C-alpha atoms as a PDB file:
ATOM      1  CA  MET A   1     -20.821 128.052 228.528  1.00  0.00           C
ATOM      2  CA  ILE A   2     -18.067 130.117 226.981  1.00  0.00           C
ATOM      3  CA  ARG A   3     -15.249 131.518 229.124  1.00  0.00           C
ATOM      4  CA  LYS A   4     -16.179 135.175 228.589  1.00  0.00           C
ATOM      5  CA  LYS A   5     -19.707 134.621 229.944  1.00  0.00           C
ATOM      6  CA  ALA A   6     -18.382 132.577 232.876  1.00  0.00           C
ATOM      7  CA  VAL A   7     -15.827 135.306 233.686  1.00  0.00           C
ATOM      8  CA  GLU A   8     -18.561 137.944 233.580  1.00  0.00           C
ATOM      9  CA  LEU A   9     -20.940 136.006 235.851  1.00  0.00           C
ATOM     10  CA  ILE A  10     -18.281 135.036 238.389  1.00  0.00           C
ATOM     11  CA  ALA A  11     -16.791 138.546 238.528  1.00  0.00           C
ATOM     12  CA  LYS A  12     -20.297 139.876 239.196  1.00  0.00           C
ATOM     13  CA  GLU A  13     -20.678 137.470 242.130  1.00  0.00           C
ATOM     14  CA  ILE A  14     -17.254 138.428 243.509  1.00  0.00           C
ATOM     15  CA  GLY A  15     -18.189 142.096 243.497  1.00  0.00           C
ATOM     16  CA  ASN A  16     -15.500 144.592 244.418  1.00  0.00           C
ATOM     17  CA  GLU A  17     -12.904 142.153 245.764  1.00  0.00           C
ATOM     18  CA  PRO A  18      -9.458 142.007 244.068  1.00  0.00           C
ATOM     19  CA  ILE A  19      -8.958 139.753 241.048  1.00  0.00           C
ATOM     20  CA  ILE A  20      -5.646 138.745 239.503  1.00  0.00           C
ATOM     21  CA  SER A  21      -6.224 137.434 235.975  1.00  0.00           C
ATOM     22  CA  ALA A  22      -3.921 135.341 233.814  1.00  0.00           C
ATOM     23  CA  ASN A  23      -2.493 136.678 230.599  1.00  0.00           C
ATOM     24  CA  GLY A  24      -4.145 136.361 227.206  1.00  0.00           C
ATOM     25  CA  PHE A  25      -7.868 135.967 226.680  1.00  0.00           C
ATOM     26  CA  MET A  26      -8.518 135.654 230.433  1.00  0.00           C
ATOM     27  CA  SER A  27      -7.439 139.232 231.148  1.00  0.00           C
ATOM     28  CA  ARG A  28      -9.128 140.476 227.983  1.00  0.00           C
ATOM     29  CA  ASP A  29     -12.443 138.894 229.020  1.00  0.00           C
ATOM     30  CA  LEU A  30     -12.246 140.340 232.533  1.00  0.00           C
ATOM     31  CA  TYR A  31     -11.290 143.769 231.185  1.00  0.00           C
ATOM     32  CA  GLU A  32     -14.188 143.841 228.737  1.00  0.00           C
ATOM     33  CA  THR A  33     -16.845 142.490 231.110  1.00  0.00           C
ATOM     34  CA  ASN A  34     -15.871 143.873 234.540  1.00  0.00           C
ATOM     35  CA  GLU A  35     -13.137 146.511 234.409  1.00  0.00           C
ATOM     36  CA  LYS A  36     -12.244 147.918 237.831  1.00  0.00           C
ATOM     37  CA  GLU A  37      -9.176 149.304 239.562  1.00  0.00           C
ATOM     38  CA  ASN A  38      -8.667 146.288 241.772  1.00  0.00           C
ATOM     39  CA  ASN A  39      -8.256 143.937 238.817  1.00  0.00           C
ATOM     40  CA  PHE A  40      -4.654 143.026 238.098  1.00  0.00           C
ATOM     41  CA  TYR A  41      -4.353 142.075 234.442  1.00  0.00           C
ATOM     42  CA  MET A  42      -1.330 139.944 233.560  1.00  0.00           C
ATOM     43  CA  ILE A  43       0.314 141.168 230.398  1.00  0.00           C
ATOM     44  CA  GLY A  44       2.640 138.301 229.508  1.00  0.00           C
ATOM     45  CA  SER A  45       4.202 135.995 232.139  1.00  0.00           C
ATOM     46  CA  MET A  46       2.143 132.918 231.299  1.00  0.00           C
ATOM     47  CA  GLY A  47       1.441 130.725 234.309  1.00  0.00           C
ATOM     48  CA  LEU A  48       2.236 133.240 237.037  1.00  0.00           C
ATOM     49  CA  ALA A  49      -1.212 134.530 238.089  1.00  0.00           C
ATOM     50  CA  SER A  50      -1.356 131.973 240.911  1.00  0.00           C
ATOM     51  CA  SER A  51       2.103 132.956 242.200  1.00  0.00           C
ATOM     52  CA  ILE A  52       1.275 136.667 242.100  1.00  0.00           C
ATOM     53  CA  GLY A  53      -2.074 135.932 243.746  1.00  0.00           C
ATOM     54  CA  LEU A  54      -0.326 134.046 246.533  1.00  0.00           C
ATOM     55  CA  GLY A  55       1.946 137.005 247.264  1.00  0.00           C
ATOM     56  CA  VAL A  56      -0.988 139.416 247.287  1.00  0.00           C
ATOM     57  CA  ALA A  57      -3.025 137.089 249.542  1.00  0.00           C
ATOM     58  CA  LEU A  58      -0.188 136.678 252.049  1.00  0.00           C
ATOM     59  CA  LYS A  59       0.447 140.430 252.192  1.00  0.00           C
ATOM     60  CA  ASN A  60      -3.295 141.255 252.519  1.00  0.00           C
ATOM     61  CA  PRO A  61      -4.740 138.570 254.832  1.00  0.00           C
ATOM     62  CA  LYS A  62      -7.951 140.536 255.549  1.00  0.00           C
ATOM     63  CA  LYS A  63      -8.921 140.732 251.857  1.00  0.00           C
ATOM     64  CA  LYS A  64     -10.263 137.807 249.847  1.00  0.00           C
ATOM     65  CA  ILE A  65      -8.024 137.460 246.771  1.00  0.00           C
ATOM     66  CA  HIS A  66      -9.420 135.861 243.605  1.00  0.00           C
ATOM     67  CA  ILE A  67      -7.259 134.429 240.837  1.00  0.00           C
ATOM     68  CA  PHE A  68      -8.673 133.852 237.336  1.00  0.00           C
ATOM     69  CA  ASP A  69      -6.543 131.296 235.518  1.00  0.00           C
ATOM     70  CA  GLY A  70      -6.789 129.056 232.486  1.00  0.00           C
ATOM     71  CA  ASP A  71      -5.960 125.370 232.360  1.00  0.00           C
ATOM     72  CA  GLY A  72      -2.985 126.091 230.089  1.00  0.00           C
ATOM     73  CA  ASN A  73      -1.647 128.721 232.465  1.00  0.00           C
ATOM     74  CA  ILE A  74      -1.833 126.614 235.615  1.00  0.00           C
ATOM     75  CA  LEU A  75      -0.346 123.602 233.831  1.00  0.00           C
ATOM     76  CA  MET A  76       2.718 125.788 233.152  1.00  0.00           C
ATOM     77  CA  ASN A  77       3.144 126.423 236.894  1.00  0.00           C
ATOM     78  CA  LEU A  78       1.782 123.422 238.795  1.00  0.00           C
ATOM     79  CA  GLY A  79       4.408 123.955 241.477  1.00  0.00           C
ATOM     80  CA  SER A  80       2.488 127.011 242.646  1.00  0.00           C
ATOM     81  CA  LEU A  81      -0.362 124.765 243.820  1.00  0.00           C
ATOM     82  CA  VAL A  82       2.035 122.927 246.141  1.00  0.00           C
ATOM     83  CA  THR A  83       3.405 126.186 247.542  1.00  0.00           C
ATOM     84  CA  ILE A  84      -0.104 127.618 248.020  1.00  0.00           C
ATOM     85  CA  GLY A  85      -1.288 124.404 249.675  1.00  0.00           C
ATOM     86  CA  SER A  86       1.716 124.431 252.013  1.00  0.00           C
ATOM     87  CA  LEU A  87       1.239 128.061 253.051  1.00  0.00           C
ATOM     88  CA  LYS A  88      -2.571 127.694 253.372  1.00  0.00           C
ATOM     89  CA  PRO A  89      -3.711 131.284 252.762  1.00  0.00           C
ATOM     90  CA  LYS A  90      -7.270 131.449 254.091  1.00  0.00           C
ATOM     91  CA  ASN A  91      -8.150 134.315 251.719  1.00  0.00           C
ATOM     92  CA  PHE A  92      -7.090 132.611 248.450  1.00  0.00           C
ATOM     93  CA  VAL A  93      -9.693 131.580 245.851  1.00  0.00           C
ATOM     94  CA  HIS A  94      -8.356 130.179 242.581  1.00  0.00           C
ATOM     95  CA  TYR A  95     -10.665 129.839 239.566  1.00  0.00           C
ATOM     96  CA  ILE A  96      -9.462 127.727 236.653  1.00  0.00           C
ATOM     97  CA  PHE A  97     -11.458 128.204 233.461  1.00  0.00           C
ATOM     98  CA  ASP A  98     -10.831 124.881 231.725  1.00  0.00           C
ATOM     99  CA  ASN A  99     -11.460 124.632 227.987  1.00  0.00           C
ATOM    100  CA  LYS A 100      -8.759 121.982 227.526  1.00  0.00           C
ATOM    101  CA  SER A 101      -6.727 124.253 225.280  1.00  0.00           C
ATOM    102  CA  HIS A 102      -4.180 127.035 225.096  1.00  0.00           C
ATOM    103  CA  GLU A 103      -6.836 129.159 223.424  1.00  0.00           C
ATOM    104  CA  SER A 104      -4.911 132.442 223.583  1.00  0.00           C
ATOM    105  CA  THR A 105      -1.972 131.016 221.640  1.00  0.00           C
ATOM    106  CA  GLY A 106      -3.851 129.199 218.888  1.00  0.00           C
ATOM    107  CA  GLY A 107      -5.981 126.533 220.533  1.00  0.00           C
ATOM    108  CA  GLN A 108      -3.363 123.840 221.073  1.00  0.00           C
ATOM    109  CA  PRO A 109      -4.729 121.119 223.381  1.00  0.00           C
ATOM    110  CA  THR A 110      -3.680 120.965 227.023  1.00  0.00           C
ATOM    111  CA  ASN A 111      -3.558 117.796 229.094  1.00  0.00           C
ATOM    112  CA  SER A 112      -6.391 118.801 231.428  1.00  0.00           C
ATOM    113  CA  SER A 113      -8.623 116.168 229.831  1.00  0.00           C
ATOM    114  CA  ILE A 114      -6.124 113.507 230.970  1.00  0.00           C
ATOM    115  CA  ILE A 115      -4.649 115.043 234.142  1.00  0.00           C
ATOM    116  CA  LYS A 116      -7.382 116.060 236.588  1.00  0.00           C
ATOM    117  CA  LEU A 117      -6.470 119.448 238.046  1.00  0.00           C
ATOM    118  CA  GLU A 118      -8.901 119.041 240.942  1.00  0.00           C
ATOM    119  CA  LYS A 119      -7.036 115.891 242.068  1.00  0.00           C
ATOM    120  CA  ILE A 120      -3.720 117.765 242.078  1.00  0.00           C
ATOM    121  CA  ALA A 121      -5.348 120.596 244.050  1.00  0.00           C
ATOM    122  CA  GLN A 122      -6.884 118.153 246.532  1.00  0.00           C
ATOM    123  CA  ALA A 123      -3.470 116.533 247.058  1.00  0.00           C
ATOM    124  CA  ALA A 124      -2.121 120.039 247.737  1.00  0.00           C
ATOM    125  CA  LYS A 125      -4.829 120.536 250.427  1.00  0.00           C
ATOM    126  CA  PHE A 126      -7.159 122.870 248.505  1.00  0.00           C
ATOM    127  CA  LYS A 127     -10.904 122.742 249.018  1.00  0.00           C
ATOM    128  CA  THR A 128     -12.123 122.014 245.496  1.00  0.00           C
ATOM    129  CA  PHE A 129     -15.334 122.701 243.590  1.00  0.00           C
ATOM    130  CA  LYS A 130     -16.402 122.230 239.983  1.00  0.00           C
ATOM    131  CA  ILE A 131     -18.819 124.291 237.889  1.00  0.00           C
ATOM    132  CA  SER A 132     -20.153 122.859 234.647  1.00  0.00           C
ATOM    133  CA  LYS A 133     -23.350 124.929 234.245  1.00  0.00           C
ATOM    134  CA  LYS A 134     -24.230 128.629 234.585  1.00  0.00           C
ATOM    135  CA  SER A 135     -26.852 127.712 237.162  1.00  0.00           C
ATOM    136  CA  GLN A 136     -24.126 126.471 239.563  1.00  0.00           C
ATOM    137  CA  ILE A 137     -22.163 129.724 239.684  1.00  0.00           C
ATOM    138  CA  LYS A 138     -24.133 131.602 242.364  1.00  0.00           C
ATOM    139  CA  GLU A 139     -24.512 128.534 244.554  1.00  0.00           C
ATOM    140  CA  ILE A 140     -20.835 127.562 244.506  1.00  0.00           C
ATOM    141  CA  ILE A 141     -19.565 131.133 244.947  1.00  0.00           C
ATOM    142  CA  LEU A 142     -21.912 131.471 247.938  1.00  0.00           C
ATOM    143  CA  GLN A 143     -20.551 128.216 249.409  1.00  0.00           C
ATOM    144  CA  THR A 144     -16.962 129.380 249.019  1.00  0.00           C
ATOM    145  CA  LYS A 145     -17.663 132.695 250.744  1.00  0.00           C
ATOM    146  CA  LYS A 146     -18.349 130.688 253.905  1.00  0.00           C
ATOM    147  CA  LYS A 147     -15.120 128.668 253.689  1.00  0.00           C
ATOM    148  CA  SER A 148     -11.497 129.530 254.275  1.00  0.00           C
ATOM    149  CA  GLY A 149      -8.909 128.815 251.622  1.00  0.00           C
ATOM    150  CA  PRO A 150      -7.073 127.832 249.780  1.00  0.00           C
ATOM    151  CA  ILE A 151     -10.018 127.114 247.485  1.00  0.00           C
ATOM    152  CA  LEU A 152      -9.882 125.971 243.872  1.00  0.00           C
ATOM    153  CA  ILE A 153     -12.899 126.155 241.564  1.00  0.00           C
ATOM    154  CA  ILE A 154     -12.727 124.558 238.137  1.00  0.00           C
ATOM    155  CA  ILE A 155     -15.149 126.017 235.615  1.00  0.00           C
ATOM    156  CA  GLU A 156     -15.695 123.853 232.555  1.00  0.00           C
ATOM    157  CA  VAL A 157     -15.951 126.148 229.542  1.00  0.00           C
ATOM    158  CA  GLU A 158     -16.011 125.753 225.784  1.00  0.00           C
ATOM    159  CA  LYS A 159     -13.735 127.278 223.191  1.00  0.00           C
ATOM    160  CA  SER A 160     -15.172 130.346 221.533  1.00  0.00           C
ATOM    161  CA  LYS A 161     -14.576 132.353 218.396  1.00  0.00           C
ATOM    162  CA  THR A 162     -15.488 135.523 220.336  1.00  0.00           C
ATOM    163  CA  LYS A 163     -12.398 137.582 221.161  1.00  0.00           C
ATOM    164  CA  SER A 164     -12.498 140.350 223.736  1.00  0.00           C
ATOM    165  CA  ILE A 165     -10.663 143.629 223.261  1.00  0.00           C
ATOM    166  CA  ARG A 166      -7.079 143.979 224.435  1.00  0.00           C
ATOM    167  CA  VAL A 167      -6.408 145.542 227.818  1.00  0.00           C
ATOM    168  CA  ASN A 168      -5.830 149.223 227.060  1.00  0.00           C
ATOM    169  CA  ILE A 169      -3.983 150.126 230.269  1.00  0.00           C
ATOM    170  CA  SER A 170      -0.194 150.177 230.522  1.00  0.00           C
ATOM    171  CA  PRO A 171       1.392 147.544 232.788  1.00  0.00           C
ATOM    172  CA  LEU A 172       2.729 150.316 235.044  1.00  0.00           C
ATOM    173  CA  ASN A 173      -0.767 151.809 235.460  1.00  0.00           C
ATOM    174  CA  ILE A 174      -2.260 148.354 236.082  1.00  0.00           C
ATOM    175  CA  LYS A 175       0.245 147.812 238.906  1.00  0.00           C
ATOM    176  CA  THR A 176      -0.097 151.304 240.372  1.00  0.00           C
ATOM    177  CA  ARG A 177      -3.873 151.385 240.539  1.00  0.00           C
ATOM    178  CA  PHE A 178      -4.050 147.793 241.814  1.00  0.00           C
ATOM    179  CA  MET A 179      -1.616 148.526 244.646  1.00  0.00           C
ATOM    180  CA  LYS A 180      -3.532 151.702 245.516  1.00  0.00           C
ATOM    181  CA  SER A 181      -6.822 149.754 245.589  1.00  0.00           C
ATOM    182  CA  LEU A 182      -5.367 147.241 248.078  1.00  0.00           C
ATOM    183  CA  LYS A 183      -4.651 150.060 250.523  1.00  0.00           C
ATOM    184  CA  SER A 184      -8.257 151.263 250.503  1.00  0.00           C
ATOM    185  CA  LYS A 185     -11.078 149.568 252.351  1.00  0.00           C
END
């Protein structure tokens, strides 16, 4: 399954809950397949979606907060997993779309084929799940809705030549509308 299709299917299952998406192709895919005001698209700042997601989750404990990350992004900020695991936000769901590459910057390989991200997350006290087929998406998302976080879901995806359009919203407008959406029910 390619990342764009996985992003589309998972975002559909999440519904209208907030999503913070990593920079690069991750935000582009979310923007093209499921644009909504309570999506926070990272423009730059590689590796920080999990840290931003943690802050949003801690400040909004009654809302489930979803983070869409890539393997390259989380490998640039592994320390965030330790902080998240220590603080134990019950409303934190972290999705890592793992294609074993820094696809947004040219396809350089990451080390996720050698270093198992789910083992790091388990050591940091996350509940972990893995999706390798489209048919698992609904079932695993349903399971996680019944559990408290922090939760980490690794989605195995393939590289793709398909490129989504760039996010056509200014960073200031992304922030403003996202913050406004958090205040509404």
